[in-house]
Every structure is written in structure tokens, then in C-alpha cells.
Amino acid sequence: MAASSPLTGIELINCAKANAKKGAKLAAQRCGYPEKTEEFIAAVQDACQSIGVEIDELRDLIADQQKVMVLPGIEIAPESLSSL
């Protein structure tokens, strides 16, 4: 759900973090910055800096646990349930 007015402070950081994986444009819209993506990024950086956190870009807010790595591999399984 999009904010009706631009968020600030910790609310902005939380909203930006929750939407960071969806991209800057959508995150900006949901945080109350429609059509103002660059202003949104600057506001997020300022909000993070105010709490002592340095970020260079929006994806810096994505926690390592949220980043999914898909490794190539093969699946080994029986052909049917009866041949377990």
C-alpha cells in the first residue's frame, strides 16, 4: 500500500527496506515518492545517515538472508512413490 505523503525517518527506512527487492521505482511509490525516485533515494540515504548507517544504493538495505542464491544442481528422486 502506498503512503499518502512522503515518509521520513525510520518509517521511510522500514518501507524502503521492505520494498527494496522490488526496485527503486516501486519502492519510491510505496514510500510516498511517486515519480520522484532520485529524491526518494536521497531521502533514504539521509534517513540512514541520521541513524549512523551508510548506504550507497537501495539494494544495500536488502539483508543477506533476503538475497537468494540459486546454485545449479540436479534433483535425485525415485520415479514414483511406490519405489521409495
PDB file of N, CA and C in Angstrom:
ATOM      1  N   MET A   1       0.835  -1.169   0.000  1.00  0.00           N
ATOM      2  CA  MET A   1       0.000   0.000   0.000  1.00  0.00           C
ATOM      3  C   MET A   1       0.884   1.238   0.000  1.00  0.00           C
ATOM      4  N   ALA A   2       0.608   2.181  -0.840  1.00  0.00           N
ATOM      5  CA  ALA A   2       1.412   3.384  -0.961  1.00  0.00           C
ATOM      6  C   ALA A   2       1.066   4.387   0.137  1.00  0.00           C
ATOM      7  N   ALA A   3       2.100   5.082   0.601  1.00  0.00           N
ATOM      8  CA  ALA A   3       1.891   6.129   1.594  1.00  0.00           C
ATOM      9  C   ALA A   3       1.257   7.336   0.926  1.00  0.00           C
ATOM     10  N   SER A   4       0.381   8.034   1.653  1.00  0.00           N
ATOM     11  CA  SER A   4      -0.306   9.192   1.066  1.00  0.00           C
ATOM     12  C   SER A   4       0.595  10.419   1.015  1.00  0.00           C
ATOM     13  N   SER A   5       1.577  10.493   1.910  1.00  0.00           N
ATOM     14  CA  SER A   5       2.553  11.578   1.887  1.00  0.00           C
ATOM     15  C   SER A   5       3.937  10.956   2.060  1.00  0.00           C
ATOM     16  N   PRO A   6       4.977  11.652   1.624  1.00  0.00           N
ATOM     17  CA  PRO A   6       6.329  11.083   1.725  1.00  0.00           C
ATOM     18  C   PRO A   6       6.706  10.722   3.160  1.00  0.00           C
ATOM     19  N   LEU A   7       7.173   9.512   3.326  1.00  0.00           N
ATOM     20  CA  LEU A   7       7.614   9.065   4.643  1.00  0.00           C
ATOM     21  C   LEU A   7       8.981   9.655   4.960  1.00  0.00           C
ATOM     22  N   THR A   8       9.307   9.713   6.235  1.00  0.00           N
ATOM     23  CA  THR A   8      10.604  10.220   6.677  1.00  0.00           C
ATOM     24  C   THR A   8      11.112   9.340   7.815  1.00  0.00           C
ATOM     25  N   GLY A   9      12.359   9.520   8.147  1.00  0.00           N
ATOM     26  CA  GLY A   9      12.957   8.851   9.297  1.00  0.00           C
ATOM     27  C   GLY A   9      12.899   7.335   9.229  1.00  0.00           C
ATOM     28  N   ILE A  10      12.665   6.727  10.385  1.00  0.00           N
ATOM     29  CA  ILE A  10      12.683   5.270  10.488  1.00  0.00           C
ATOM     30  C   ILE A  10      11.548   4.643   9.689  1.00  0.00           C
ATOM     31  N   GLU A  11      10.409   5.344   9.558  1.00  0.00           N
ATOM     32  CA  GLU A  11       9.307   4.821   8.745  1.00  0.00           C
ATOM     33  C   GLU A  11       9.742   4.687   7.281  1.00  0.00           C
ATOM     34  N   LEU A  12      10.486   5.686   6.791  1.00  0.00           N
ATOM     35  CA  LEU A  12      10.990   5.634   5.427  1.00  0.00           C
ATOM     36  C   LEU A  12      11.974   4.483   5.255  1.00  0.00           C
ATOM     37  N   ILE A  13      12.858   4.315   6.213  1.00  0.00           N
ATOM     38  CA  ILE A  13      13.850   3.231   6.139  1.00  0.00           C
ATOM     39  C   ILE A  13      13.142   1.880   6.127  1.00  0.00           C
ATOM     40  N   ASN A  14      12.174   1.696   7.016  1.00  0.00           N
ATOM     41  CA  ASN A  14      11.451   0.422   7.074  1.00  0.00           C
ATOM     42  C   ASN A  14      10.704   0.135   5.779  1.00  0.00           C
ATOM     43  N   CYS A  15      10.035   1.137   5.237  1.00  0.00           N
ATOM     44  CA  CYS A  15       9.289   0.974   3.987  1.00  0.00           C
ATOM     45  C   CYS A  15      10.249   0.680   2.831  1.00  0.00           C
ATOM     46  N   ALA A  16      11.347   1.430   2.771  1.00  0.00           N
ATOM     47  CA  ALA A  16      12.332   1.229   1.705  1.00  0.00           C
ATOM     48  C   ALA A  16      12.939  -0.166   1.787  1.00  0.00           C
ATOM     49  N   LYS A  17      13.244  -0.608   2.991  1.00  0.00           N
ATOM     50  CA  LYS A  17      13.828  -1.945   3.178  1.00  0.00           C
ATOM     51  C   LYS A  17      12.837  -3.030   2.766  1.00  0.00           C
ATOM     52  N   ALA A  18      11.572  -2.843   3.123  1.00  0.00           N
ATOM     53  CA  ALA A  18      10.554  -3.838   2.788  1.00  0.00           C
ATOM     54  C   ALA A  18      10.317  -3.943   1.286  1.00  0.00           C
ATOM     55  N   ASN A  19      10.578  -2.872   0.557  1.00  0.00           N
ATOM     56  CA  ASN A  19      10.292  -2.845  -0.878  1.00  0.00           C
ATOM     57  C   ASN A  19      11.544  -2.806  -1.745  1.00  0.00           C
ATOM     58  N   ALA A  20      12.716  -2.880  -1.154  1.00  0.00           N
ATOM     59  CA  ALA A  20      13.969  -2.737  -1.901  1.00  0.00           C
ATOM     60  C   ALA A  20      14.130  -3.787  -2.996  1.00  0.00           C
ATOM     61  N   LYS A  21      13.685  -5.005  -2.741  1.00  0.00           N
ATOM     62  CA  LYS A  21      13.848  -6.072  -3.740  1.00  0.00           C
ATOM     63  C   LYS A  21      12.971  -5.839  -4.967  1.00  0.00           C
ATOM     64  N   LYS A  22      11.965  -5.010  -4.849  1.00  0.00           N
ATOM     65  CA  LYS A  22      11.041  -4.763  -5.955  1.00  0.00           C
ATOM     66  C   LYS A  22      11.531  -3.657  -6.876  1.00  0.00           C
ATOM     67  N   GLY A  23      12.617  -2.994  -6.499  1.00  0.00           N
ATOM     68  CA  GLY A  23      13.179  -1.942  -7.329  1.00  0.00           C
ATOM     69  C   GLY A  23      12.914  -0.558  -6.764  1.00  0.00           C
ATOM     70  N   ALA A  24      13.762   0.392  -7.163  1.00  0.00           N
ATOM     71  CA  ALA A  24      13.696   1.746  -6.626  1.00  0.00           C
ATOM     72  C   ALA A  24      12.413   2.461  -7.006  1.00  0.00           C
ATOM     73  N   LYS A  25      11.940   2.278  -8.233  1.00  0.00           N
ATOM     74  CA  LYS A  25      10.745   2.999  -8.687  1.00  0.00           C
ATOM     75  C   LYS A  25       9.519   2.597  -7.864  1.00  0.00           C
ATOM     76  N   LEU A  26       9.305   1.296  -7.696  1.00  0.00           N
ATOM     77  CA  LEU A  26       8.157   0.825  -6.926  1.00  0.00           C
ATOM     78  C   LEU A  26       8.311   1.175  -5.448  1.00  0.00           C
ATOM     79  N   ALA A  27       9.521   1.036  -4.912  1.00  0.00           N
ATOM     80  CA  ALA A  27       9.759   1.391  -3.513  1.00  0.00           C
ATOM     81  C   ALA A  27       9.467   2.872  -3.289  1.00  0.00           C
ATOM     82  N   ALA A  28       9.876   3.720  -4.227  1.00  0.00           N
ATOM     83  CA  ALA A  28       9.616   5.157  -4.119  1.00  0.00           C
ATOM     84  C   ALA A  28       8.116   5.430  -4.082  1.00  0.00           C
ATOM     85  N   GLN A  29       7.370   4.769  -4.947  1.00  0.00           N
ATOM     86  CA  GLN A  29       5.916   4.955  -4.977  1.00  0.00           C
ATOM     87  C   GLN A  29       5.287   4.537  -3.661  1.00  0.00           C
ATOM     88  N   ARG A  30       5.689   3.399  -3.149  1.00  0.00           N
ATOM     89  CA  ARG A  30       5.095   2.885  -1.915  1.00  0.00           C
ATOM     90  C   ARG A  30       5.481   3.684  -0.685  1.00  0.00           C
ATOM     91  N   CYS A  31       6.585   4.416  -0.766  1.00  0.00           N
ATOM     92  CA  CYS A  31       7.032   5.227   0.366  1.00  0.00           C
ATOM     93  C   CYS A  31       6.569   6.678   0.255  1.00  0.00           C
ATOM     94  N   GLY A  32       5.713   6.963  -0.736  1.00  0.00           N
ATOM     95  CA  GLY A  32       5.145   8.297  -0.865  1.00  0.00           C
ATOM     96  C   GLY A  32       5.913   9.232  -1.774  1.00  0.00           C
ATOM     97  N   TYR A  33       6.769   8.689  -2.629  1.00  0.00           N
ATOM     98  CA  TYR A  33       7.562   9.498  -3.559  1.00  0.00           C
ATOM     99  C   TYR A  33       7.267   9.100  -5.008  1.00  0.00           C
ATOM    100  N   PRO A  34       6.019   9.195  -5.459  1.00  0.00           N
ATOM    101  CA  PRO A  34       5.719   8.810  -6.843  1.00  0.00           C
ATOM    102  C   PRO A  34       6.407   9.758  -7.828  1.00  0.00           C
ATOM    103  N   GLU A  35       7.004   9.194  -8.840  1.00  0.00           N
ATOM    104  CA  GLU A  35       7.698   9.969  -9.885  1.00  0.00           C
ATOM    105  C   GLU A  35       8.856  10.801  -9.340  1.00  0.00           C
ATOM    106  N   LYS A  36       9.369  10.454  -8.155  1.00  0.00           N
ATOM    107  CA  LYS A  36      10.485  11.193  -7.548  1.00  0.00           C
ATOM    108  C   LYS A  36      11.524  10.206  -7.028  1.00  0.00           C
ATOM    109  N   THR A  37      11.961   9.309  -7.886  1.00  0.00           N
ATOM    110  CA  THR A  37      12.860   8.237  -7.457  1.00  0.00           C
ATOM    111  C   THR A  37      14.175   8.776  -6.907  1.00  0.00           C
ATOM    112  N   GLU A  38      14.763   9.756  -7.570  1.00  0.00           N
ATOM    113  CA  GLU A  38      16.049  10.294  -7.098  1.00  0.00           C
ATOM    114  C   GLU A  38      15.897  10.999  -5.751  1.00  0.00           C
ATOM    115  N   GLU A  39      14.794  11.720  -5.576  1.00  0.00           N
ATOM    116  CA  GLU A  39      14.516  12.372  -4.295  1.00  0.00           C
ATOM    117  C   GLU A  39      14.314  11.317  -3.205  1.00  0.00           C
ATOM    118  N   PHE A  40      13.667  10.217  -3.549  1.00  0.00           N
ATOM    119  CA  PHE A  40      13.449   9.103  -2.621  1.00  0.00           C
ATOM    120  C   PHE A  40      14.780   8.507  -2.174  1.00  0.00           C
ATOM    121  N   ILE A  41      15.659   8.233  -3.125  1.00  0.00           N
ATOM    122  CA  ILE A  41      16.971   7.648  -2.792  1.00  0.00           C
ATOM    123  C   ILE A  41      17.736   8.594  -1.863  1.00  0.00           C
ATOM    124  N   ALA A  42      17.724   9.883  -2.171  1.00  0.00           N
ATOM    125  CA  ALA A  42      18.420  10.857  -1.328  1.00  0.00           C
ATOM    126  C   ALA A  42      17.806  10.897   0.071  1.00  0.00           C
ATOM    127  N   ALA A  43      16.488  10.825   0.164  1.00  0.00           N
ATOM    128  CA  ALA A  43      15.820  10.839   1.470  1.00  0.00           C
ATOM    129  C   ALA A  43      16.164   9.586   2.275  1.00  0.00           C
ATOM    130  N   VAL A  44      16.223   8.446   1.602  1.00  0.00           N
ATOM    131  CA  VAL A  44      16.596   7.197   2.292  1.00  0.00           C
ATOM    132  C   VAL A  44      18.033   7.287   2.793  1.00  0.00           C
ATOM    133  N   GLN A  45      18.931   7.791   1.965  1.00  0.00           N
ATOM    134  CA  GLN A  45      20.333   7.927   2.384  1.00  0.00           C
ATOM    135  C   GLN A  45      20.446   8.871   3.580  1.00  0.00           C
ATOM    136  N   ASP A  46      19.711   9.986   3.551  1.00  0.00           N
ATOM    137  CA  ASP A  46      19.731  10.929   4.679  1.00  0.00           C
ATOM    138  C   ASP A  46      19.166  10.292   5.939  1.00  0.00           C
ATOM    139  N   ALA A  47      18.059   9.560   5.801  1.00  0.00           N
ATOM    140  CA  ALA A  47      17.455   8.904   6.963  1.00  0.00           C
ATOM    141  C   ALA A  47      18.406   7.864   7.555  1.00  0.00           C
ATOM    142  N   CYS A  48      19.047   7.101   6.693  1.00  0.00           N
ATOM    143  CA  CYS A  48      20.003   6.092   7.177  1.00  0.00           C
ATOM    144  C   CYS A  48      21.200   6.763   7.855  1.00  0.00           C
ATOM    145  N   GLN A  49      21.682   7.834   7.250  1.00  0.00           N
ATOM    146  CA  GLN A  49      22.821   8.544   7.826  1.00  0.00           C
ATOM    147  C   GLN A  49      22.475   9.108   9.209  1.00  0.00           C
ATOM    148  N   SER A  50      21.222   9.522   9.392  1.00  0.00           N
ATOM    149  CA  SER A  50      20.816  10.077  10.692  1.00  0.00           C
ATOM    150  C   SER A  50      20.845   9.045  11.809  1.00  0.00           C
ATOM    151  N   ILE A  51      20.782   7.757  11.449  1.00  0.00           N
ATOM    152  CA  ILE A  51      20.874   6.709  12.475  1.00  0.00           C
ATOM    153  C   ILE A  51      22.232   6.019  12.452  1.00  0.00           C
ATOM    154  N   GLY A  52      23.165   6.567  11.666  1.00  0.00           N
ATOM    155  CA  GLY A  52      24.533   6.055  11.657  1.00  0.00           C
ATOM    156  C   GLY A  52      24.783   4.911  10.693  1.00  0.00           C
ATOM    157  N   VAL A  53      23.949   4.780   9.683  1.00  0.00           N
ATOM    158  CA  VAL A  53      24.108   3.711   8.695  1.00  0.00           C
ATOM    159  C   VAL A  53      24.420   4.346   7.338  1.00  0.00           C
ATOM    160  N   GLU A  54      25.481   3.907   6.704  1.00  0.00           N
ATOM    161  CA  GLU A  54      25.848   4.426   5.390  1.00  0.00           C
ATOM    162  C   GLU A  54      25.391   3.453   4.313  1.00  0.00           C
ATOM    163  N   ILE A  55      24.638   3.954   3.329  1.00  0.00           N
ATOM    164  CA  ILE A  55      24.258   3.133   2.185  1.00  0.00           C
ATOM    165  C   ILE A  55      24.622   3.888   0.916  1.00  0.00           C
ATOM    166  N   ASP A  56      24.996   3.146  -0.106  1.00  0.00           N
ATOM    167  CA  ASP A  56      25.313   3.739  -1.399  1.00  0.00           C
ATOM    168  C   ASP A  56      24.132   3.652  -2.353  1.00  0.00           C
ATOM    169  N   GLU A  57      23.372   2.590  -2.242  1.00  0.00           N
ATOM    170  CA  GLU A  57      22.216   2.400  -3.114  1.00  0.00           C
ATOM    171  C   GLU A  57      21.158   1.608  -2.364  1.00  0.00           C
ATOM    172  N   LEU A  58      19.981   1.551  -2.940  1.00  0.00           N
ATOM    173  CA  LEU A  58      18.837   0.923  -2.271  1.00  0.00           C
ATOM    174  C   LEU A  58      19.087  -0.543  -1.936  1.00  0.00           C
ATOM    175  N   ARG A  59      19.777  -1.251  -2.800  1.00  0.00           N
ATOM    176  CA  ARG A  59      19.985  -2.677  -2.541  1.00  0.00           C
ATOM    177  C   ARG A  59      20.852  -2.950  -1.312  1.00  0.00           C
ATOM    178  N   ASP A  60      21.529  -1.915  -0.799  1.00  0.00           N
ATOM    179  CA  ASP A  60      22.294  -2.082   0.440  1.00  0.00           C
ATOM    180  C   ASP A  60      21.376  -2.366   1.629  1.00  0.00           C
ATOM    181  N   LEU A  61      20.087  -2.062   1.494  1.00  0.00           N
ATOM    182  CA  LEU A  61      19.126  -2.328   2.570  1.00  0.00           C
ATOM    183  C   LEU A  61      18.656  -3.773   2.602  1.00  0.00           C
ATOM    184  N   ILE A  62      18.924  -4.528   1.556  1.00  0.00           N
ATOM    185  CA  ILE A  62      18.489  -5.919   1.499  1.00  0.00           C
ATOM    186  C   ILE A  62      19.436  -6.759   2.343  1.00  0.00           C
ATOM    187  N   ALA A  63      18.888  -7.427   3.340  1.00  0.00           N
ATOM    188  CA  ALA A  63      19.691  -8.268   4.232  1.00  0.00           C
ATOM    189  C   ALA A  63      20.206  -9.482   3.478  1.00  0.00           C
ATOM    190  N   ASP A  64      21.345  -9.986   3.902  1.00  0.00           N
ATOM    191  CA  ASP A  64      21.934 -11.162   3.256  1.00  0.00           C
ATOM    192  C   ASP A  64      20.977 -12.342   3.239  1.00  0.00           C
ATOM    193  N   GLN A  65      20.143 -12.459   4.278  1.00  0.00           N
ATOM    194  CA  GLN A  65      19.190 -13.557   4.328  1.00  0.00           C
ATOM    195  C   GLN A  65      18.128 -13.427   3.246  1.00  0.00           C
ATOM    196  N   GLN A  66      17.871 -12.199   2.767  1.00  0.00           N
ATOM    197  CA  GLN A  66      16.875 -11.985   1.733  1.00  0.00           C
ATOM    198  C   GLN A  66      17.421 -12.253   0.340  1.00  0.00           C
ATOM    199  N   LYS A  67      18.736 -12.231   0.203  1.00  0.00           N
ATOM    200  CA  LYS A  67      19.341 -12.470  -1.098  1.00  0.00           C
ATOM    201  C   LYS A  67      19.416 -13.974  -1.325  1.00  0.00           C
ATOM    202  N   VAL A  68      18.741 -14.432  -2.313  1.00  0.00           N
ATOM    203  CA  VAL A  68      18.676 -15.864  -2.575  1.00  0.00           C
ATOM    204  C   VAL A  68      19.647 -16.199  -3.693  1.00  0.00           C
ATOM    205  N   MET A  69      20.490 -17.155  -3.425  1.00  0.00           N
ATOM    206  CA  MET A  69      21.414 -17.613  -4.453  1.00  0.00           C
ATOM    207  C   MET A  69      20.896 -18.946  -4.976  1.00  0.00           C
ATOM    208  N   VAL A  70      20.759 -19.038  -6.261  1.00  0.00           N
ATOM    209  CA  VAL A  70      20.326 -20.282  -6.880  1.00  0.00           C
ATOM    210  C   VAL A  70      21.559 -20.934  -7.478  1.00  0.00           C
ATOM    211  N   LEU A  71      21.901 -22.065  -6.931  1.00  0.00           N
ATOM    212  CA  LEU A  71      23.061 -22.796  -7.413  1.00  0.00           C
ATOM    213  C   LEU A  71      22.599 -23.905  -8.355  1.00  0.00           C
ATOM    214  N   PRO A  72      23.324 -24.107  -9.429  1.00  0.00           N
ATOM    215  CA  PRO A  72      22.928 -25.175 -10.344  1.00  0.00           C
ATOM    216  C   PRO A  72      23.111 -26.537  -9.673  1.00  0.00           C
ATOM    217  N   GLY A  73      22.280 -27.465 -10.051  1.00  0.00           N
ATOM    218  CA  GLY A  73      22.376 -28.794  -9.472  1.00  0.00           C
ATOM    219  C   GLY A  73      21.387 -29.728 -10.132  1.00  0.00           C
ATOM    220  N   ILE A  74      21.324 -30.934  -9.620  1.00  0.00           N
ATOM    221  CA  ILE A  74      20.375 -31.903 -10.149  1.00  0.00           C
ATOM    222  C   ILE A  74      19.543 -32.441  -9.001  1.00  0.00           C
ATOM    223  N   GLU A  75      18.369 -32.902  -9.331  1.00  0.00           N
ATOM    224  CA  GLU A  75      17.493 -33.481  -8.316  1.00  0.00           C
ATOM    225  C   GLU A  75      17.533 -34.991  -8.476  1.00  0.00           C
ATOM    226  N   ILE A  76      17.744 -35.666  -7.369  1.00  0.00           N
ATOM    227  CA  ILE A  76      17.762 -37.128  -7.390  1.00  0.00           C
ATOM    228  C   ILE A  76      16.569 -37.602  -6.575  1.00  0.00           C
ATOM    229  N   ALA A  77      15.653 -38.313  -7.239  1.00  0.00           N
ATOM    230  CA  ALA A  77      14.438 -38.782  -6.581  1.00  0.00           C
ATOM    231  C   ALA A  77      13.937 -40.020  -7.301  1.00  0.00           C
ATOM    232  N   PRO A  78      13.181 -40.854  -6.607  1.00  0.00           N
ATOM    233  CA  PRO A  78      12.605 -42.024  -7.267  1.00  0.00           C
ATOM    234  C   PRO A  78      11.555 -41.599  -8.295  1.00  0.00           C
ATOM    235  N   GLU A  79      11.295 -42.480  -9.242  1.00  0.00           N
ATOM    236  CA  GLU A  79      10.319 -42.161 -10.284  1.00  0.00           C
ATOM    237  C   GLU A  79       8.882 -42.159  -9.792  1.00  0.00           C
ATOM    238  N   SER A  80       8.615 -42.888  -8.715  1.00  0.00           N
ATOM    239  CA  SER A  80       7.248 -42.917  -8.187  1.00  0.00           C
ATOM    240  C   SER A  80       7.319 -43.091  -6.670  1.00  0.00           C
ATOM    241  N   LEU A  81       6.183 -42.857  -5.989  1.00  0.00           N
ATOM    242  CA  LEU A  81       6.131 -43.018  -4.547  1.00  0.00           C
ATOM    243  C   LEU A  81       6.292 -44.475  -4.122  1.00  0.00           C
ATOM    244  N   SER A  82       5.891 -45.400  -4.973  1.00  0.00           N
ATOM    245  CA  SER A  82       5.976 -46.812  -4.609  1.00  0.00           C
ATOM    246  C   SER A  82       7.388 -47.364  -4.689  1.00  0.00           C
ATOM    247  N   SER A  83       8.300 -46.657  -5.338  1.00  0.00           N
ATOM    248  CA  SER A  83       9.680 -47.162  -5.440  1.00  0.00           C
ATOM    249  C   SER A  83      10.620 -46.429  -4.522  1.00  0.00           C
ATOM    250  N   LEU A  84      10.113 -46.041  -3.352  1.00  0.00           N
ATOM    251  CA  LEU A  84      10.977 -45.396  -2.356  1.00  0.00           C
ATOM    252  C   LEU A  84      11.862 -46.439  -1.743  1.00  0.00           C
TER     253      LEU A  84
END
